[in-house]
């Protein structure tokens, strides 16, 4: 990371994912505290996947072709940062939904823009991009840790009157907010996200100049979308596309319910993790993601596409089953967060590599977009409509002790998805793998 340009790109990725990582984990427990109905919660949560789908067809192309990338990044994070910051002080549904939609419509395209800036200024993208993109994972982890202090019960700390730095630190870390106090303090997640976004707006102006792409450079981009859709006629591609939708639903089910579940008191049937430790505990999965990515290549070579993806899906099964059957075993609940990295690397990262290997070069980018539409868009939307309704209207209602039973739903769904992938996903062997890849066995 000694290259100064690469270091700047790494910093860009860190800030980019601090923004998202700051607000996403706790929003699912915060919205009910504002009195929003399950349907209203769903619309707010779906601002992000709606923006992702719009971005696939319009905003990403529009930004690429009309603006210098670093200037678009600065503008988007300035306006989007002010919008997410304002959410900390917004209590009405329409105000909250409008601000979230503005933020997401401006933020989602910047994920691709950051990638474009990175690729434009690398000499060897295959070698360098992984290191730069790791900044995003580190940013997500870093976003969690300030909340060990922000969501601490400072009244309890002052009442304890600890003497010395060590005693003070121990008291703070062991005094997390709970219940309504935790929900009220969750508004700080939007303040942190807003500050990070405004910092990135300024930082973007220091990034190397990346001019807009000319329309001709995209060539047959519109036809490439059509060609990518045609590939869904092949059964193994269609099966993977549908299973990707299901696995994305499972991923966002995890985000929908885990934050609230971790904070549920043991007397109410949960693990009773203090409020200021919920986000750090959830960030354990991102640490494991880094480690799992390091062994992904070897795993693919040894096990092949299908077995690796099935392991990723079964990671969800293991985690949700432990939530359902051992909800009060705090240490086990914390330990099972490690499988989040396995779920991501062994399924989603493997899907990206698979698409890059099997799809023709001229439709590869559009094919990635096709699967991203499931991962960030429709799978997310499905979870955001179904999960609040299941939680509040079917299982818990006024009895939070029913929370663990809720996790039986994704446990069963993940098992069915794993069996379906095992039975139906049969990609052909490639005679000549794509450049840079040696195709693992199916």
Protein backbone atom coordinates (compact mmCIF):
# COMPACT_ATOMS: atom_id res chain seq x y z
CA UNK A 1 0.00 0.00 0.00
CA UNK A 2 3.10 2.25 -0.39
CA UNK A 3 1.81 3.67 -3.70
CA UNK A 4 0.32 7.12 -2.80
CA UNK A 5 -2.50 6.87 -5.38
CA UNK A 6 -3.44 3.40 -4.16
CA UNK A 7 -3.41 4.70 -0.58
CA UNK A 8 -5.85 7.46 -1.58
CA UNK A 9 -8.10 4.91 -3.26
CA UNK A 10 -7.97 2.73 -0.13
CA UNK A 11 -9.05 5.74 1.98
CA UNK A 12 -11.90 6.40 -0.45
CA UNK A 13 -13.18 2.83 0.02
CA UNK A 14 -12.89 3.07 3.83
CA UNK A 15 -15.06 6.21 3.98
CA UNK A 16 -17.50 4.89 1.35
CA UNK A 17 -18.41 1.88 3.46
CA UNK A 18 -18.26 3.63 6.85
CA UNK A 19 -21.35 5.52 5.64
CA UNK A 20 -23.43 2.43 4.87
CA UNK A 21 -22.05 0.40 7.77
CA UNK A 22 -22.95 3.14 10.28
CA UNK A 23 -26.71 3.22 9.70
CA UNK A 24 -27.73 -0.18 8.25
CA UNK A 25 -27.36 -2.61 11.22
CA UNK A 26 -29.57 -0.69 13.68
CA UNK A 27 -32.19 0.92 11.42
CA UNK A 28 -34.44 -2.16 11.65
CA UNK A 29 -34.95 -1.72 15.39
CA UNK A 30 -35.10 2.08 15.18
CA UNK A 31 -38.02 2.47 12.75
CA UNK A 32 -40.60 0.72 14.99
CA UNK A 33 -39.59 3.06 17.84
CA UNK A 34 -40.75 6.01 15.70
CA UNK A 35 -44.22 4.45 15.51
CA UNK A 36 -44.00 3.49 11.82
CA UNK A 37 -46.21 0.60 10.69
CA UNK A 38 -44.61 -2.51 9.13
CA UNK A 39 -45.62 -1.25 5.67
CA UNK A 40 -44.11 2.19 6.30
CA UNK A 41 -40.92 0.54 7.57
CA UNK A 42 -40.80 -1.52 4.39
CA UNK A 43 -41.00 1.54 2.16
CA UNK A 44 -38.17 3.26 4.06
CA UNK A 45 -35.99 0.14 4.00
CA UNK A 46 -36.67 -0.32 0.29
CA UNK A 47 -35.27 3.09 -0.62
CA UNK A 48 -31.86 1.43 -0.96
CA UNK A 49 -32.86 -1.48 -3.25
CA UNK A 50 -35.07 0.86 -5.32
CA UNK A 51 -32.01 3.08 -5.81
CA UNK A 52 -29.95 -0.02 -6.69
CA UNK A 53 -32.42 -1.03 -9.43
CA UNK A 54 -32.61 2.55 -10.78
CA UNK A 55 -28.82 2.65 -10.75
CA UNK A 56 -28.51 -0.51 -12.84
CA UNK A 57 -30.53 1.01 -15.68
CA UNK A 58 -29.98 4.76 -15.42
CA UNK A 59 -27.99 6.63 -12.78
CA UNK A 60 -24.73 4.66 -13.08
CA UNK A 61 -24.58 5.23 -16.85
CA UNK A 62 -25.69 8.85 -16.51
CA UNK A 63 -22.96 9.61 -13.97
CA UNK A 64 -20.27 7.72 -15.93
CA UNK A 65 -20.94 9.59 -19.17
CA UNK A 66 -21.64 13.15 -17.97
CA UNK A 67 -19.42 13.93 -14.99
CA UNK A 68 -15.85 13.60 -13.86
CA UNK A 69 -16.11 10.73 -11.39
CA UNK A 70 -14.44 12.48 -8.46
CA UNK A 71 -16.74 15.53 -8.84
CA UNK A 72 -19.86 13.36 -8.99
CA UNK A 73 -18.61 11.60 -5.85
CA UNK A 74 -18.14 14.95 -4.08
CA UNK A 75 -21.59 16.25 -5.05
CA UNK A 76 -23.39 13.00 -4.19
CA UNK A 77 -21.78 12.73 -0.76
CA UNK A 78 -22.40 16.41 0.03
CA UNK A 79 -26.15 16.28 -0.71
CA UNK A 80 -26.58 12.65 0.38
CA UNK A 81 -24.63 13.34 3.56
CA UNK A 82 -26.88 16.26 4.50
CA UNK A 83 -29.93 14.03 3.85
CA UNK A 84 -28.74 11.15 6.05
CA UNK A 85 -27.63 13.60 8.76
CA UNK A 86 -31.12 15.13 8.81
CA UNK A 87 -32.66 11.71 9.50
CA UNK A 88 -31.35 11.96 13.08
CA UNK A 89 -33.86 14.76 13.66
CA UNK A 90 -36.79 13.44 11.58
CA UNK A 91 -39.81 11.73 13.15
CA UNK A 92 -42.50 11.82 10.43
CA UNK A 93 -42.87 8.96 7.96
CA UNK A 94 -42.97 11.07 4.80
CA UNK A 95 -40.01 13.19 5.87
CA UNK A 96 -37.99 10.11 6.80
CA UNK A 97 -38.86 8.28 3.58
CA UNK A 98 -38.06 11.29 1.37
CA UNK A 99 -34.68 11.93 3.01
CA UNK A 100 -33.73 8.25 2.90
CA UNK A 101 -34.70 8.06 -0.79
CA UNK A 102 -32.60 11.16 -1.60
CA UNK A 103 -29.63 9.70 0.26
CA UNK A 104 -29.90 6.27 -1.39
CA UNK A 105 -30.44 7.60 -4.93
CA UNK A 106 -27.22 9.56 -4.55
CA UNK A 107 -25.25 7.00 -2.51
CA UNK A 108 -25.88 3.76 -4.44
CA UNK A 109 -24.29 4.98 -7.73
CA UNK A 110 -21.17 6.01 -5.80
CA UNK A 111 -20.41 2.34 -5.03
CA UNK A 112 -19.85 1.78 -8.76
CA UNK A 113 -18.20 5.18 -9.18
CA UNK A 114 -15.64 4.30 -6.50
CA UNK A 115 -14.87 1.10 -8.40
CA UNK A 116 -14.54 3.08 -11.65
CA UNK A 117 -12.11 5.55 -10.08
CA UNK A 118 -10.09 2.70 -8.62
CA UNK A 119 -9.86 0.74 -11.90
CA UNK A 120 -8.98 3.89 -13.88
CA UNK A 121 -5.87 4.54 -11.77
CA UNK A 122 -4.45 1.05 -11.31
CA UNK A 123 -1.62 -0.40 -13.34
CA UNK A 124 -2.57 -3.99 -12.54
CA UNK A 125 -6.26 -4.14 -11.44
CA UNK A 126 -6.25 -7.91 -10.91
CA UNK A 127 -3.40 -7.59 -8.43
CA UNK A 128 -4.29 -4.25 -6.83
CA UNK A 129 -8.10 -4.08 -6.66
CA UNK A 130 -8.47 -6.68 -3.91
CA UNK A 131 -6.19 -4.68 -1.60
CA UNK A 132 -8.01 -1.42 -2.36
CA UNK A 133 -11.49 -2.97 -2.01
CA UNK A 134 -10.49 -4.43 1.35
CA UNK A 135 -10.67 -0.81 2.56
CA UNK A 136 -14.46 -1.09 2.19
CA UNK A 137 -14.65 -4.10 4.50
CA UNK A 138 -12.36 -2.38 7.01
CA UNK A 139 -14.56 0.75 6.77
CA UNK A 140 -17.66 -1.30 7.61
CA UNK A 141 -15.86 -2.75 10.65
CA UNK A 142 -14.60 0.68 11.76
CA UNK A 143 -18.13 2.11 11.53
CA UNK A 144 -19.25 -0.21 14.34
CA UNK A 145 -16.68 0.57 17.00
CA UNK A 146 -17.44 4.22 17.89
CA UNK A 147 -20.85 3.01 19.05
CA UNK A 148 -19.33 1.17 22.01
CA UNK A 149 -18.99 4.71 23.42
CA UNK A 150 -21.88 6.51 21.66
CA UNK A 151 -24.45 3.95 22.84
CA UNK A 152 -23.06 3.65 26.37
CA UNK A 153 -25.25 4.52 29.38
CA UNK A 154 -23.37 7.61 30.53
CA UNK A 155 -25.67 8.19 33.50
CA UNK A 156 -24.69 4.76 34.79
CA UNK A 157 -21.00 5.52 34.18
CA UNK A 158 -21.21 8.79 36.11
CA UNK A 159 -23.08 7.12 38.95
CA UNK A 160 -20.35 4.44 39.22
CA UNK A 161 -17.62 7.12 39.62
CA UNK A 162 -14.80 4.88 38.34
CA UNK A 163 -11.27 5.87 39.36
CA UNK A 164 -8.49 5.69 36.80
CA UNK A 165 -8.50 5.24 33.03
CA UNK A 166 -8.73 1.44 33.10
CA UNK A 167 -11.66 1.41 35.53
CA UNK A 168 -13.39 4.18 33.56
CA UNK A 169 -12.96 2.34 30.25
CA UNK A 170 -14.21 -0.93 31.75
CA UNK A 171 -17.28 0.80 33.16
CA UNK A 172 -18.09 2.49 29.82
CA UNK A 173 -17.69 -0.72 27.80
CA UNK A 174 -19.83 -2.62 30.29
CA UNK A 175 -22.63 -0.04 30.47
CA UNK A 176 -24.61 -0.33 27.27
CA UNK A 177 -28.00 1.25 26.74
CA UNK A 178 -31.03 -1.03 26.50
CA UNK A 179 -34.72 -0.80 25.58
CA UNK A 180 -36.24 2.58 24.67
CA UNK A 181 -33.04 4.45 25.63
CA UNK A 182 -31.07 2.41 23.08
CA UNK A 183 -33.69 2.99 20.39
CA UNK A 184 -33.66 6.75 21.02
CA UNK A 185 -29.86 6.91 20.91
CA UNK A 186 -29.78 5.01 17.60
CA UNK A 187 -30.35 8.36 15.87
CA UNK A 188 -26.60 8.88 16.33
CA UNK A 189 -26.01 6.31 13.59
CA UNK A 190 -27.32 8.86 11.07
CA UNK A 191 -25.12 11.61 12.49
CA UNK A 192 -22.03 9.40 12.14
CA UNK A 193 -23.06 8.39 8.59
CA UNK A 194 -23.68 12.04 7.68
CA UNK A 195 -20.33 13.22 9.03
CA UNK A 196 -18.52 10.40 7.16
CA UNK A 197 -20.36 11.33 3.95
CA UNK A 198 -19.43 15.02 4.27
CA UNK A 199 -15.80 14.04 4.94
CA UNK A 200 -15.81 11.90 1.78
CA UNK A 201 -17.30 14.82 -0.19
CA UNK A 202 -14.23 16.89 0.71
CA UNK A 203 -11.82 13.94 0.34
CA UNK A 204 -13.20 13.20 -3.17
CA UNK A 205 -11.77 16.49 -4.44
CA UNK A 206 -8.26 15.22 -3.61
CA UNK A 207 -8.71 12.05 -5.70
CA UNK A 208 -7.01 11.77 -9.13
CA UNK A 209 -9.03 13.23 -11.99
CA UNK A 210 -11.23 10.65 -13.74
CA UNK A 211 -12.95 12.19 -16.80
CA UNK A 212 -16.41 11.10 -17.98
CA UNK A 213 -16.61 8.24 -20.47
CA UNK A 214 -17.70 9.08 -23.98
CA UNK A 215 -20.96 7.50 -25.13
CA UNK A 216 -19.07 5.58 -27.82
CA UNK A 217 -16.94 3.85 -25.23
CA UNK A 218 -19.97 1.94 -23.98
CA UNK A 219 -20.46 0.43 -27.45
CA UNK A 220 -23.41 -1.95 -27.47
CA UNK A 221 -24.17 -1.57 -23.78
CA UNK A 222 -27.93 -1.60 -24.22
CA UNK A 223 -27.70 -4.71 -26.37
CA UNK A 224 -25.37 -6.26 -23.78
CA UNK A 225 -28.23 -6.11 -21.25
CA UNK A 226 -30.40 -7.96 -23.75
CA UNK A 227 -27.68 -10.54 -24.38
CA UNK A 228 -27.20 -11.04 -20.63
CA UNK A 229 -30.96 -11.61 -20.20
CA UNK A 230 -30.90 -14.16 -23.03
CA UNK A 231 -28.37 -16.21 -21.09
CA UNK A 232 -31.10 -16.87 -18.51
CA UNK A 233 -32.50 -19.34 -21.05
CA UNK A 234 -29.71 -21.68 -19.98
CA UNK A 235 -31.08 -23.70 -17.03
CA UNK A 236 -27.91 -23.52 -14.90
CA UNK A 237 -27.80 -19.70 -15.21
CA UNK A 238 -31.52 -19.34 -14.40
CA UNK A 239 -31.17 -21.63 -11.36
CA UNK A 240 -28.24 -19.61 -10.03
CA UNK A 241 -30.10 -16.32 -10.65
CA UNK A 242 -33.12 -17.51 -8.64
CA UNK A 243 -30.99 -18.97 -5.83
CA UNK A 244 -29.13 -15.64 -5.71
CA UNK A 245 -32.49 -13.95 -5.08
CA UNK A 246 -33.19 -16.38 -2.21
CA UNK A 247 -29.72 -16.01 -0.69
CA UNK A 248 -29.99 -12.22 -0.88
CA UNK A 249 -33.33 -12.49 0.94
CA UNK A 250 -31.54 -14.49 3.67
CA UNK A 251 -28.75 -11.90 3.91
CA UNK A 252 -31.18 -9.03 4.46
CA UNK A 253 -33.27 -11.15 6.82
CA UNK A 254 -30.11 -11.33 8.93
CA UNK A 255 -29.80 -7.53 8.90
CA UNK A 256 -33.54 -7.05 9.51
CA UNK A 257 -33.69 -9.11 12.69
CA UNK A 258 -30.23 -9.60 14.17
CA UNK A 259 -29.69 -6.15 15.71
CA UNK A 260 -32.98 -6.28 17.62
CA UNK A 261 -32.48 -9.93 18.54
CA UNK A 262 -28.99 -9.39 19.98
CA UNK A 263 -30.32 -6.64 22.23
CA UNK A 264 -33.27 -8.69 23.53
CA UNK A 265 -32.84 -9.30 27.26
CA UNK A 266 -32.25 -12.86 28.49
CA UNK A 267 -35.41 -12.57 30.60
CA UNK A 268 -37.30 -12.10 27.31
CA UNK A 269 -35.61 -15.07 25.61
CA UNK A 270 -32.70 -13.32 23.90
CA UNK A 271 -28.91 -13.21 24.38
CA UNK A 272 -29.04 -9.85 26.19
CA UNK A 273 -26.04 -8.22 24.52
CA UNK A 274 -25.57 -4.59 25.72
CA UNK A 275 -26.67 -1.95 23.23
CA UNK A 276 -23.21 -0.47 22.76
CA UNK A 277 -21.85 -3.90 21.72
CA UNK A 278 -24.49 -4.87 19.13
CA UNK A 279 -22.71 -3.30 16.13
CA UNK A 280 -19.22 -4.49 17.13
CA UNK A 281 -20.58 -8.04 17.58
CA UNK A 282 -22.17 -7.90 14.13
CA UNK A 283 -18.89 -6.60 12.67
CA UNK A 284 -17.18 -9.88 13.60
CA UNK A 285 -18.64 -11.25 10.37
CA UNK A 286 -16.74 -8.68 8.31
CA UNK A 287 -13.46 -9.67 10.00
CA UNK A 288 -14.18 -13.27 9.03
CA UNK A 289 -15.08 -12.08 5.51
CA UNK A 290 -11.51 -10.84 5.03
CA UNK A 291 -10.08 -14.16 6.21
CA UNK A 292 -12.52 -16.23 4.13
CA UNK A 293 -11.73 -14.26 0.97
CA UNK A 294 -8.06 -15.23 1.41
CA UNK A 295 -8.92 -18.94 1.14
CA UNK A 296 -11.69 -18.62 -1.46
CA UNK A 297 -9.46 -19.42 -4.43
CA UNK A 298 -8.14 -22.61 -2.82
CA UNK A 299 -11.65 -23.62 -1.72
CA UNK A 300 -13.03 -23.18 -5.24
CA UNK A 301 -10.22 -25.23 -6.72
CA UNK A 302 -10.70 -28.06 -4.21
CA UNK A 303 -14.50 -28.15 -3.93
CA UNK A 304 -15.81 -26.56 -7.13
CA UNK A 305 -18.56 -24.02 -7.74
CA UNK A 306 -21.57 -25.92 -6.43
CA UNK A 307 -20.11 -27.21 -3.16
CA UNK A 308 -18.58 -23.81 -2.31
CA UNK A 309 -21.89 -22.00 -2.90
CA UNK A 310 -23.80 -24.63 -0.89
CA UNK A 311 -21.41 -24.04 2.04
CA UNK A 312 -22.19 -20.32 1.79
CA UNK A 313 -25.95 -20.98 1.93
CA UNK A 314 -25.62 -23.47 4.79
CA UNK A 315 -23.79 -20.78 6.76
CA UNK A 316 -27.17 -19.03 6.98
CA UNK A 317 -28.76 -22.30 8.12
CA UNK A 318 -26.25 -22.72 10.96
CA UNK A 319 -26.58 -19.14 12.16
CA UNK A 320 -30.37 -18.95 12.08
CA UNK A 321 -30.72 -22.41 13.69
CA UNK A 322 -28.53 -21.30 16.60
CA UNK A 323 -30.62 -18.13 16.96
CA UNK A 324 -33.77 -20.29 17.03
CA UNK A 325 -32.66 -23.12 19.32
CA UNK A 326 -30.02 -21.51 21.56
CA UNK A 327 -31.18 -17.87 21.83
CA UNK A 328 -29.94 -17.29 25.38
CA UNK A 329 -26.43 -18.70 24.87
CA UNK A 330 -24.66 -15.36 24.51
CA UNK A 331 -21.18 -16.77 23.79
CA UNK A 332 -22.53 -19.11 21.09
CA UNK A 333 -24.54 -16.29 19.49
CA UNK A 334 -21.41 -14.11 19.37
CA UNK A 335 -19.29 -16.97 17.96
CA UNK A 336 -21.75 -17.79 15.18
CA UNK A 337 -21.38 -14.24 13.79
CA UNK A 338 -18.20 -15.60 12.20
CA UNK A 339 -20.26 -17.48 9.60
CA UNK A 340 -21.35 -14.16 8.05
CA UNK A 341 -17.98 -14.01 6.29
CA UNK A 342 -18.46 -17.56 5.03
CA UNK A 343 -21.98 -16.71 3.78
CA UNK A 344 -20.68 -13.72 1.82
CA UNK A 345 -17.43 -15.06 0.37
CA UNK A 346 -18.57 -18.60 -0.40
CA UNK A 347 -21.78 -17.52 -2.09
CA UNK A 348 -21.83 -13.90 -3.30
CA UNK A 349 -18.12 -13.52 -4.11
CA UNK A 350 -18.22 -16.95 -5.78
CA UNK A 351 -21.20 -15.86 -7.88
CA UNK A 352 -19.25 -12.81 -9.11
CA UNK A 353 -16.27 -14.99 -10.04
CA UNK A 354 -18.56 -17.55 -11.71
CA UNK A 355 -20.23 -14.86 -13.85
CA UNK A 356 -16.83 -13.45 -14.82
CA UNK A 357 -15.72 -16.95 -15.84
CA UNK A 358 -18.78 -18.25 -17.71
CA UNK A 359 -20.25 -15.19 -19.40
CA UNK A 360 -18.92 -13.84 -22.72
CA UNK A 361 -16.59 -10.87 -22.32
CA UNK A 362 -18.86 -8.41 -24.14
CA UNK A 363 -21.81 -9.14 -21.79
CA UNK A 364 -19.83 -9.71 -18.58
CA UNK A 365 -20.41 -6.27 -17.01
CA UNK A 366 -24.13 -6.43 -17.80
CA UNK A 367 -24.34 -9.96 -16.42
CA UNK A 368 -22.77 -8.76 -13.15
CA UNK A 369 -25.43 -6.04 -13.11
CA UNK A 370 -28.10 -8.69 -13.67
CA UNK A 371 -27.01 -10.56 -10.54
CA UNK A 372 -26.46 -7.32 -8.59
CA UNK A 373 -30.09 -6.49 -9.32
CA UNK A 374 -31.01 -9.59 -7.31
CA UNK A 375 -28.40 -9.06 -4.57
CA UNK A 376 -28.94 -5.36 -3.88
CA UNK A 377 -32.40 -4.98 -5.37
CA UNK A 378 -35.11 -7.64 -5.44
CA UNK A 379 -33.78 -9.88 -2.66
CA UNK A 380 -33.46 -6.83 -0.43
CA UNK A 381 -36.98 -5.66 -1.32
CA UNK A 382 -38.45 -9.09 -0.55
CA UNK A 383 -36.79 -9.16 2.88
CA UNK A 384 -37.81 -5.60 3.67
CA UNK A 385 -41.49 -6.29 2.97
CA UNK A 386 -41.70 -9.75 4.52
CA UNK A 387 -39.47 -9.37 7.61
CA UNK A 388 -41.18 -6.42 9.39
CA UNK A 389 -44.57 -8.04 8.76
CA UNK A 390 -43.46 -11.47 10.04
CA UNK A 391 -41.81 -9.99 13.10
CA UNK A 392 -44.51 -7.59 14.24
CA UNK A 393 -47.71 -9.09 12.87
CA UNK A 394 -47.14 -12.85 12.97
CA UNK A 395 -44.57 -13.82 15.58
CA UNK A 396 -43.78 -11.26 18.29
CA UNK A 397 -46.79 -8.94 18.26
CA UNK A 398 -46.80 -7.87 21.91
CA UNK A 399 -44.73 -10.82 23.12
CA UNK A 400 -41.00 -10.47 22.41
CA UNK A 401 -40.33 -13.96 23.83
CA UNK A 402 -41.56 -15.39 20.49
CA UNK A 403 -38.58 -13.74 18.73
CA UNK A 404 -36.39 -16.90 18.50
CA UNK A 405 -39.16 -18.88 16.74
CA UNK A 406 -39.00 -16.30 13.95
CA UNK A 407 -35.61 -17.65 12.86
CA UNK A 408 -37.10 -21.02 11.96
CA UNK A 409 -38.40 -19.39 8.76
CA UNK A 410 -34.98 -18.50 7.24
CA UNK A 411 -33.52 -21.76 8.62
CA UNK A 412 -35.97 -23.76 6.50
CA UNK A 413 -35.66 -21.41 3.48
CA UNK A 414 -31.87 -21.73 3.47
CA UNK A 415 -32.03 -25.54 3.68
CA UNK A 416 -34.45 -25.67 0.72
CA UNK A 417 -32.17 -23.31 -1.27
CA UNK A 418 -29.10 -25.47 -0.57
CA UNK A 419 -30.93 -28.64 -1.69
CA UNK A 420 -32.25 -26.89 -4.81
CA UNK A 421 -28.76 -25.70 -5.76
CA UNK A 422 -27.33 -29.20 -5.21
CA UNK A 423 -30.01 -30.82 -7.36
CA UNK A 424 -30.48 -28.28 -10.14
CA UNK A 425 -27.24 -26.34 -10.65
CA UNK A 426 -25.10 -28.17 -13.22
CA UNK A 427 -22.83 -25.77 -15.13
CA UNK A 428 -20.98 -27.25 -18.10
CA UNK A 429 -17.22 -27.57 -17.97
CA UNK A 430 -15.47 -24.83 -19.91
CA UNK A 431 -13.19 -25.95 -22.68
CA UNK A 432 -11.32 -22.63 -22.56
CA UNK A 433 -11.86 -20.65 -19.34
CA UNK A 434 -11.99 -16.85 -19.50
CA UNK A 435 -8.71 -14.94 -19.34
CA UNK A 436 -7.24 -14.95 -15.86
CA UNK A 437 -9.41 -17.84 -14.64
CA UNK A 438 -9.03 -21.57 -14.44
CA UNK A 439 -12.54 -22.91 -13.98
CA UNK A 440 -13.01 -25.08 -10.89
CA UNK A 441 -15.05 -28.26 -11.22
CA UNK A 442 -18.82 -27.87 -11.03
